[in-house]
C-alpha cells in the first residue's frame, strides 16, 4: 500500500501544480501577453542592434539609441497630429446639431423617409391622409435625431472609458519597451535558458525550432510595419483628395490602427467619417467608400505580397484564432492573435508535419538571415 500512497501523493501534487500554474497564467494573462509583445518587438529590435554592433557600438547602447529614436519619432508625429485632432474634435462637437439637420435633409431629399414610412400617400386618401403623413414625417425626423443623438452619446461614453484607462496603457507600453530592450541586448541568454529545459538529445532540434519561430515573427513584424506605413500614406492622400479636414492626422491614425487586425480599420474610419460629416452626408459616404476600397486593396494586394515571406496561415484559421483569443483575453488577445498563431504553426510544421508525417513544408530558417548578414559584411 505504501507505493500506492506515494503514487497518489505524487499525482495529487502534479495536478495541484498544474492547476496553480494555470491559475497564475489566467490571472496574469495580460502581463504574459504584454511580455509576448515585448519579445516580438525585441526580436525586430535585435536586427538593428546587430547592425550597430558590427560598427563597434555596444549592444546596450545600440538598443537604447534605437528605442529613443523610435520614441522621438512617435512624439514628433504626435506633436504634429495632436493639435489637428483636438481642433477637429472640438469642431465636430460644435457642429453636431448642424450635422444632424444635414443628415435629416439628406435622407428626406432622397425619399428614404417615404420608404421607411411605407411609400407616398395616394391622392385619393384626401386631406386626412396627408395630415397623417405629415405627422409621420415629423415623428420620423424626431426619431432620426433621437437615434443619432443616442449613438453619439454612446460613442462619447466609449471614448471616455478608453481615455480613462490611459495610465494602464502607458504602464503596458513601458513594460513592452523594457522587455524589448532586454531581449535585444542579450537574446542569446534567453535562448540558452530555454535550451536548458530540453534534454541534450533534443536541444539541437529545439534550437532549430526556436530559431525558425524567431525568424517568422521578425519577418511578420517587418511586413506589418511596412503595411502600416503604406496604409497611412494612402489614407492621408485619399482623404486629401476628397478634401477632408485633418487628412494627415487621420492617415497617422489609420496607419497605427492597421496593426490591430479587422477592428483597427473600423476604428480608424470613425473619426474620418465624422470629419466628412462636417461637409455633409455625401462627403461622409465618400469617405466610407474610400476606406472600404483601401481595405480591399490592403487585403487583396498588399497583404499577400508582404506576407508571402512571412506567416503562412490560412485566412479561416486566422479569423477563428482571432475570435478565440479575443473571447478569452479580450483586446490584447486580438492584438497578438496573428503572431501567436504564426509561432504555434512553426513547431506544428517542423515537429509533426515534417518529422512525424514525413511531408516537406516550407519554414523560415535563421540561416538565410545569417547568410544575408555575412554577404553584407563581405561587401563592407
Protein backbone atom coordinates (compact mmCIF):
# COMPACT_ATOMS: atom_id res chain seq x y z
CA UNK A 1 0.00 0.00 0.00
CA UNK A 2 3.00 2.32 0.56
CA UNK A 3 3.89 2.67 -3.11
CA UNK A 4 0.24 3.35 -3.95
CA UNK A 5 0.14 6.12 -1.37
CA UNK A 6 3.29 7.67 -2.86
CA UNK A 7 1.83 7.48 -6.36
CA UNK A 8 -1.39 9.11 -5.20
CA UNK A 9 0.51 11.87 -3.45
CA UNK A 10 2.72 12.41 -6.50
CA UNK A 11 -0.27 12.56 -8.85
CA UNK A 12 -2.07 14.91 -6.48
CA UNK A 13 0.97 17.19 -6.33
CA UNK A 14 1.26 17.23 -10.12
CA UNK A 15 -2.43 18.03 -10.59
CA UNK A 16 -2.26 20.74 -7.93
CA UNK A 17 0.86 22.21 -9.51
CA UNK A 18 -0.72 22.27 -12.96
CA UNK A 19 -3.86 23.88 -11.54
CA UNK A 20 -1.87 26.57 -9.72
CA UNK A 21 0.21 27.24 -12.85
CA UNK A 22 -2.91 27.59 -15.00
CA UNK A 23 -4.50 29.90 -12.43
CA UNK A 24 -1.39 32.07 -12.37
CA UNK A 25 -1.36 32.17 -16.16
CA UNK A 26 -5.01 33.20 -16.19
CA UNK A 27 -4.65 35.86 -13.51
CA UNK A 28 -1.56 37.31 -15.19
CA UNK A 29 -2.73 36.80 -18.77
CA UNK A 30 -2.45 40.49 -19.62
CA UNK A 31 1.12 40.61 -18.33
CA UNK A 32 2.08 37.49 -20.30
CA UNK A 33 0.55 38.89 -23.48
CA UNK A 34 2.40 42.17 -22.96
CA UNK A 35 5.55 40.13 -22.42
CA UNK A 36 4.94 38.36 -25.72
CA UNK A 37 4.61 41.74 -27.43
CA UNK A 38 7.88 42.80 -25.81
CA UNK A 39 9.63 39.68 -27.11
CA UNK A 40 8.14 40.29 -30.55
CA UNK A 41 9.43 43.85 -30.74
CA UNK A 42 12.71 42.75 -29.14
CA UNK A 43 13.30 40.27 -31.97
CA UNK A 44 12.83 43.03 -34.53
CA UNK A 45 14.92 45.43 -32.46
CA UNK A 46 17.77 42.93 -32.24
CA UNK A 47 18.28 43.14 -36.01
CA UNK A 48 19.10 46.84 -35.72
CA UNK A 49 21.23 46.20 -32.64
CA UNK A 50 23.19 43.57 -34.57
CA UNK A 51 23.95 46.11 -37.28
CA UNK A 52 25.08 48.73 -34.76
CA UNK A 53 27.27 46.15 -33.06
CA UNK A 54 29.07 45.50 -36.34
CA UNK A 55 30.06 49.17 -36.44
CA UNK A 56 31.51 48.93 -32.93
CA UNK A 57 28.52 50.26 -30.94
CA UNK A 58 27.79 48.22 -27.78
CA UNK A 59 24.52 46.29 -27.83
CA UNK A 60 23.06 48.01 -24.76
CA UNK A 61 23.83 51.47 -26.15
CA UNK A 62 22.54 50.49 -29.59
CA UNK A 63 19.23 49.22 -28.18
CA UNK A 64 18.73 52.40 -26.16
CA UNK A 65 19.57 54.58 -29.18
CA UNK A 66 17.07 52.76 -31.40
CA UNK A 67 14.32 52.93 -28.77
CA UNK A 68 14.95 56.63 -28.14
CA UNK A 69 14.86 57.28 -31.89
CA UNK A 70 11.55 55.46 -32.24
CA UNK A 71 10.08 57.24 -29.22
CA UNK A 72 11.27 60.59 -30.54
CA UNK A 73 9.66 59.87 -33.90
CA UNK A 74 6.38 58.92 -32.24
CA UNK A 75 6.43 62.02 -30.05
CA UNK A 76 7.18 64.21 -33.06
CA UNK A 77 4.38 62.71 -35.10
CA UNK A 78 2.03 63.02 -32.13
CA UNK A 79 3.00 66.66 -31.64
CA UNK A 80 2.17 67.35 -35.28
CA UNK A 81 -1.09 65.42 -35.28
CA UNK A 82 -2.47 66.16 -31.80
CA UNK A 83 -3.39 69.85 -32.37
CA UNK A 84 -5.22 68.98 -35.57
CA UNK A 85 -7.07 66.09 -33.94
CA UNK A 86 -8.05 68.22 -30.93
CA UNK A 87 -9.21 71.11 -33.10
CA UNK A 88 -11.26 68.89 -35.38
CA UNK A 89 -12.80 67.04 -32.41
CA UNK A 90 -13.96 70.36 -30.95
CA UNK A 91 -15.31 71.34 -34.36
CA UNK A 92 -17.28 68.09 -34.55
CA UNK A 93 -18.83 68.72 -31.13
CA UNK A 94 -19.80 72.28 -32.09
CA UNK A 95 -21.40 71.21 -35.34
CA UNK A 96 -23.28 68.13 -34.12
CA UNK A 97 -26.71 69.87 -34.37
CA UNK A 98 -25.90 71.11 -37.86
CA UNK A 99 -24.72 67.66 -38.91
CA UNK A 100 -27.96 66.11 -37.63
CA UNK A 101 -30.00 68.63 -39.61
CA UNK A 102 -27.97 67.91 -42.74
CA UNK A 103 -28.44 64.17 -42.27
CA UNK A 104 -32.20 64.60 -41.92
CA UNK A 105 -32.44 66.78 -45.03
CA UNK A 106 -30.22 64.38 -46.96
CA UNK A 107 -32.42 61.40 -46.03
CA UNK A 108 -35.62 63.28 -46.86
CA UNK A 109 -34.26 64.57 -50.19
CA UNK A 110 -33.63 61.01 -51.37
CA UNK A 111 -37.06 59.73 -50.40
CA UNK A 112 -35.74 57.40 -47.72
CA UNK A 113 -38.29 58.73 -45.29
CA UNK A 114 -41.12 57.64 -47.58
CA UNK A 115 -39.53 54.22 -47.97
CA UNK A 116 -39.29 53.83 -44.22
CA UNK A 117 -42.82 55.16 -43.78
CA UNK A 118 -44.25 52.71 -46.32
CA UNK A 119 -44.34 54.83 -49.52
CA UNK A 120 -46.14 58.02 -50.61
CA UNK A 121 -49.78 58.50 -49.86
CA UNK A 122 -52.19 58.17 -52.74
CA UNK A 123 -54.09 61.25 -53.94
CA UNK A 124 -57.50 59.78 -53.15
CA UNK A 125 -56.70 59.44 -49.48
CA UNK A 126 -57.57 63.12 -49.02
CA UNK A 127 -56.53 65.74 -46.55
CA UNK A 128 -56.77 63.40 -43.56
CA UNK A 129 -54.25 61.02 -45.11
CA UNK A 130 -51.89 63.92 -45.94
CA UNK A 131 -52.16 65.14 -42.36
CA UNK A 132 -51.26 61.69 -41.05
CA UNK A 133 -48.32 61.60 -43.46
CA UNK A 134 -47.12 64.98 -42.23
CA UNK A 135 -47.35 63.83 -38.62
CA UNK A 136 -45.46 60.65 -39.52
CA UNK A 137 -42.75 62.72 -41.25
CA UNK A 138 -42.34 64.91 -38.20
CA UNK A 139 -42.19 61.84 -35.98
CA UNK A 140 -39.60 60.32 -38.29
CA UNK A 141 -37.45 63.46 -38.06
CA UNK A 142 -37.62 63.28 -34.28
CA UNK A 143 -36.74 59.57 -34.38
CA UNK A 144 -33.76 60.23 -36.63
CA UNK A 145 -32.48 62.98 -34.37
CA UNK A 146 -33.05 60.87 -31.26
CA UNK A 147 -31.31 57.83 -32.77
CA UNK A 148 -28.28 59.81 -33.92
CA UNK A 149 -28.05 61.60 -30.59
CA UNK A 150 -28.17 58.29 -28.71
CA UNK A 151 -25.44 56.83 -30.91
CA UNK A 152 -23.24 59.88 -30.37
CA UNK A 153 -23.82 59.68 -26.62
CA UNK A 154 -22.84 56.02 -26.57
CA UNK A 155 -19.73 56.76 -28.63
CA UNK A 156 -18.76 59.52 -26.20
CA UNK A 157 -19.10 57.10 -23.29
CA UNK A 158 -16.87 54.57 -25.03
CA UNK A 159 -14.24 57.20 -25.81
CA UNK A 160 -14.34 58.41 -22.20
CA UNK A 161 -13.81 54.86 -20.94
CA UNK A 162 -10.94 54.45 -23.37
CA UNK A 163 -9.13 57.59 -22.28
CA UNK A 164 -9.78 56.83 -18.60
CA UNK A 165 -7.52 53.78 -18.96
CA UNK A 166 -4.58 55.86 -20.21
CA UNK A 167 -2.49 55.03 -17.15
CA UNK A 168 -2.86 51.30 -17.75
CA UNK A 169 -1.98 51.73 -21.41
CA UNK A 170 1.14 53.72 -20.56
CA UNK A 171 2.16 51.13 -17.99
CA UNK A 172 1.78 48.36 -20.55
CA UNK A 173 3.77 50.34 -23.12
CA UNK A 174 6.61 50.85 -20.63
CA UNK A 175 6.64 47.12 -19.83
CA UNK A 176 6.78 46.24 -23.53
CA UNK A 177 9.60 48.75 -24.08
CA UNK A 178 11.81 47.37 -21.30
CA UNK A 179 11.21 43.74 -22.31
CA UNK A 180 12.12 44.66 -25.90
CA UNK A 181 15.36 46.32 -24.80
CA UNK A 182 16.47 43.40 -22.61
CA UNK A 183 15.67 40.84 -25.32
CA UNK A 184 17.52 42.87 -27.96
CA UNK A 185 20.57 43.46 -25.77
CA UNK A 186 21.20 39.79 -24.97
CA UNK A 187 18.93 37.40 -26.90
CA UNK A 188 21.45 34.57 -26.51
CA UNK A 189 20.94 34.45 -22.75
CA UNK A 190 17.20 33.80 -23.11
CA UNK A 191 17.78 31.32 -25.95
CA UNK A 192 20.27 29.34 -23.88
CA UNK A 193 17.95 29.45 -20.89
CA UNK A 194 15.20 27.83 -22.90
CA UNK A 195 17.63 25.20 -24.20
CA UNK A 196 18.29 24.03 -20.64
CA UNK A 197 14.64 22.97 -20.43
CA UNK A 198 15.22 20.25 -23.07
CA UNK A 199 17.27 17.05 -22.76
CA UNK A 200 20.65 17.02 -24.53
CA UNK A 201 19.47 14.75 -27.34
CA UNK A 202 16.67 17.18 -28.24
CA UNK A 203 18.46 20.51 -27.87
CA UNK A 204 19.66 20.77 -31.46
CA UNK A 205 16.16 20.28 -32.88
CA UNK A 206 14.65 22.57 -30.25
CA UNK A 207 17.18 25.24 -31.18
CA UNK A 208 16.21 24.94 -34.85
CA UNK A 209 12.52 25.34 -33.97
CA UNK A 210 13.14 28.37 -31.75
CA UNK A 211 15.29 29.99 -34.44
CA UNK A 212 12.57 29.40 -37.03
CA UNK A 213 9.96 30.94 -34.69
CA UNK A 214 12.17 34.00 -34.19
CA UNK A 215 12.68 34.47 -37.93
CA UNK A 216 8.95 34.03 -38.60
CA UNK A 217 7.93 36.60 -36.00
CA UNK A 218 10.59 39.06 -37.15
CA UNK A 219 9.50 38.84 -40.79
CA UNK A 220 5.85 39.22 -39.82
CA UNK A 221 6.53 42.33 -37.77
CA UNK A 222 8.59 43.92 -40.55
CA UNK A 223 5.82 43.20 -43.07
CA UNK A 224 3.23 44.61 -40.67
CA UNK A 225 5.22 47.82 -40.16
CA UNK A 226 5.53 48.27 -43.93
CA UNK A 227 1.77 47.78 -44.29
CA UNK A 228 1.12 50.35 -41.55
CA UNK A 229 3.25 52.96 -43.32
CA UNK A 230 1.69 52.31 -46.73
CA UNK A 231 -1.88 52.34 -45.40
CA UNK A 232 -1.20 55.56 -43.51
CA UNK A 233 0.22 57.28 -46.59
CA UNK A 234 -2.54 56.05 -48.93
CA UNK A 235 -5.25 57.06 -46.44
CA UNK A 236 -3.79 60.54 -45.98
CA UNK A 237 -3.50 61.10 -49.75
CA UNK A 238 -7.02 59.78 -50.39
CA UNK A 239 -8.60 61.97 -47.72
CA UNK A 240 -6.64 64.96 -49.00
CA UNK A 241 -8.01 64.34 -52.49
CA UNK A 242 -11.53 64.18 -51.04
CA UNK A 243 -10.97 67.47 -49.22
CA UNK A 244 -11.43 66.00 -45.73
CA UNK A 245 -10.10 68.16 -42.91
CA UNK A 246 -7.20 66.76 -40.87
CA UNK A 247 -6.21 64.23 -43.54
CA UNK A 248 -2.62 63.99 -42.24
CA UNK A 249 -3.69 63.18 -38.69
CA UNK A 250 -6.32 60.72 -39.90
CA UNK A 251 -3.69 58.98 -42.02
CA UNK A 252 -1.49 58.56 -38.95
CA UNK A 253 -4.41 57.10 -37.01
CA UNK A 254 -5.17 54.67 -39.85
CA UNK A 255 -1.54 53.58 -40.03
CA UNK A 256 -1.24 52.94 -36.29
CA UNK A 257 -4.55 51.08 -36.04
CA UNK A 258 -3.57 48.92 -39.02
CA UNK A 259 -1.58 46.86 -36.51
CA UNK A 260 -4.89 45.73 -34.96
CA UNK A 261 -6.48 43.24 -37.39
CA UNK A 262 -10.06 43.78 -38.55
CA UNK A 263 -11.06 46.04 -35.66
CA UNK A 264 -8.35 48.63 -36.27
CA UNK A 265 -9.51 49.77 -39.73
CA UNK A 266 -13.08 50.17 -38.43
CA UNK A 267 -11.91 52.31 -35.51
CA UNK A 268 -9.75 54.37 -37.88
CA UNK A 269 -12.74 55.09 -40.12
CA UNK A 270 -14.86 56.55 -37.30
CA UNK A 271 -13.05 59.92 -36.94
CA UNK A 272 -12.66 60.20 -40.71
CA UNK A 273 -16.40 59.77 -41.24
CA UNK A 274 -17.01 62.35 -38.51
CA UNK A 275 -14.79 64.81 -40.38
CA UNK A 276 -16.68 64.06 -43.58
CA UNK A 277 -19.99 64.79 -41.87
CA UNK A 278 -18.82 68.37 -41.30
CA UNK A 279 -19.11 68.87 -45.07
CA UNK A 280 -22.31 66.88 -45.44
CA UNK A 281 -23.58 63.30 -45.52
CA UNK A 282 -22.43 62.82 -49.11
CA UNK A 283 -18.82 63.56 -48.15
CA UNK A 284 -19.13 61.08 -45.28
CA UNK A 285 -20.43 58.46 -47.71
CA UNK A 286 -17.44 59.07 -50.00
CA UNK A 287 -15.12 58.63 -47.01
CA UNK A 288 -16.75 55.30 -46.13
CA UNK A 289 -16.36 54.10 -49.72
CA UNK A 290 -12.73 55.25 -49.73
CA UNK A 291 -11.96 53.29 -46.57
CA UNK A 292 -13.66 50.20 -47.96
CA UNK A 293 -11.60 50.50 -51.16
CA UNK A 294 -8.37 50.95 -49.20
CA UNK A 295 -9.08 47.87 -47.09
CA UNK A 296 -9.88 45.84 -50.20
CA UNK A 297 -6.55 46.95 -51.68
CA UNK A 298 -4.78 46.05 -48.44
CA UNK A 299 -6.35 42.60 -48.07
CA UNK A 300 -6.31 41.67 -51.75
CA UNK A 301 -2.96 43.04 -52.91
CA UNK A 302 -0.75 44.36 -50.13
CA UNK A 303 -1.05 41.60 -47.53
CA UNK A 304 -0.50 38.67 -49.94
CA UNK A 305 2.70 40.31 -51.20
CA UNK A 306 4.06 41.26 -47.78
CA UNK A 307 3.06 38.06 -46.02
CA UNK A 308 4.37 35.79 -48.78
CA UNK A 309 7.69 35.57 -46.96
CA UNK A 310 6.18 35.89 -43.50
CA UNK A 311 3.33 33.91 -41.97
CA UNK A 312 1.62 31.15 -43.90
CA UNK A 313 -1.69 30.86 -42.06
CA UNK A 314 -5.00 30.06 -43.82
CA UNK A 315 -7.44 33.00 -43.59
CA UNK A 316 -10.15 30.92 -41.89
CA UNK A 317 -7.70 29.77 -39.23
CA UNK A 318 -6.59 33.36 -38.73
CA UNK A 319 -10.14 34.61 -38.20
CA UNK A 320 -11.05 31.75 -35.87
CA UNK A 321 -7.85 32.24 -33.89
CA UNK A 322 -8.50 35.95 -33.54
CA UNK A 323 -12.07 35.32 -32.40
CA UNK A 324 -10.98 32.70 -29.87
CA UNK A 325 -8.15 34.75 -28.36
CA UNK A 326 -10.30 37.87 -28.30
CA UNK A 327 -13.01 35.92 -26.48
CA UNK A 328 -10.54 34.57 -23.91
CA UNK A 329 -8.15 37.50 -23.46
CA UNK A 330 -10.11 40.48 -24.78
CA UNK A 331 -8.46 43.23 -26.82
CA UNK A 332 -4.92 42.07 -26.02
CA UNK A 333 -5.76 38.64 -27.38
CA UNK A 334 -6.98 40.19 -30.60
CA UNK A 335 -3.80 42.27 -30.81
CA UNK A 336 -1.37 39.35 -30.59
CA UNK A 337 -3.51 36.62 -32.17
CA UNK A 338 -1.76 36.56 -35.55
CA UNK A 339 1.84 36.36 -34.28
CA UNK A 340 0.84 33.75 -31.69
CA UNK A 341 -0.74 31.65 -34.44
CA UNK A 342 2.41 32.07 -36.51
CA UNK A 343 4.58 30.98 -33.59
CA UNK A 344 2.39 27.91 -32.99
CA UNK A 345 2.36 26.91 -36.66
CA UNK A 346 6.16 26.64 -36.82
CA UNK A 347 6.57 23.71 -34.36
CA UNK A 348 3.46 22.07 -35.80
CA UNK A 349 5.05 22.08 -39.25
CA UNK A 350 8.55 21.14 -38.14
CA UNK A 351 7.85 18.62 -35.37
CA UNK A 352 4.65 17.00 -36.66
CA UNK A 353 4.17 17.54 -40.39
CA UNK A 354 7.86 17.19 -41.24
CA UNK A 355 9.21 14.84 -38.54
CA UNK A 356 6.17 12.60 -37.89
CA UNK A 357 4.10 12.66 -41.09
CA UNK A 358 7.11 12.98 -43.36
CA UNK A 359 5.77 15.70 -45.64
CA UNK A 360 8.04 18.54 -46.68
CA UNK A 361 6.81 22.01 -45.71
CA UNK A 362 8.46 25.41 -46.01
CA UNK A 363 9.55 27.04 -42.77
CA UNK A 364 11.65 30.22 -42.50
CA UNK A 365 15.16 29.38 -41.39
CA UNK A 366 17.57 31.54 -39.44
CA UNK A 367 20.50 30.58 -41.65
CA UNK A 368 19.06 32.62 -44.55
CA UNK A 369 19.22 35.76 -42.46
CA UNK A 370 22.76 34.93 -41.35
CA UNK A 371 23.82 34.42 -44.96
CA UNK A 372 22.46 37.86 -45.87
CA UNK A 373 24.36 39.41 -42.95
CA UNK A 374 27.56 37.63 -43.99
CA UNK A 375 27.15 38.94 -47.54
CA UNK A 376 26.75 42.47 -46.20
CA UNK A 377 29.92 42.08 -44.13
CA UNK A 378 31.83 40.74 -47.15
CA UNK A 379 30.67 43.68 -49.25
CA UNK A 380 31.79 46.03 -46.48
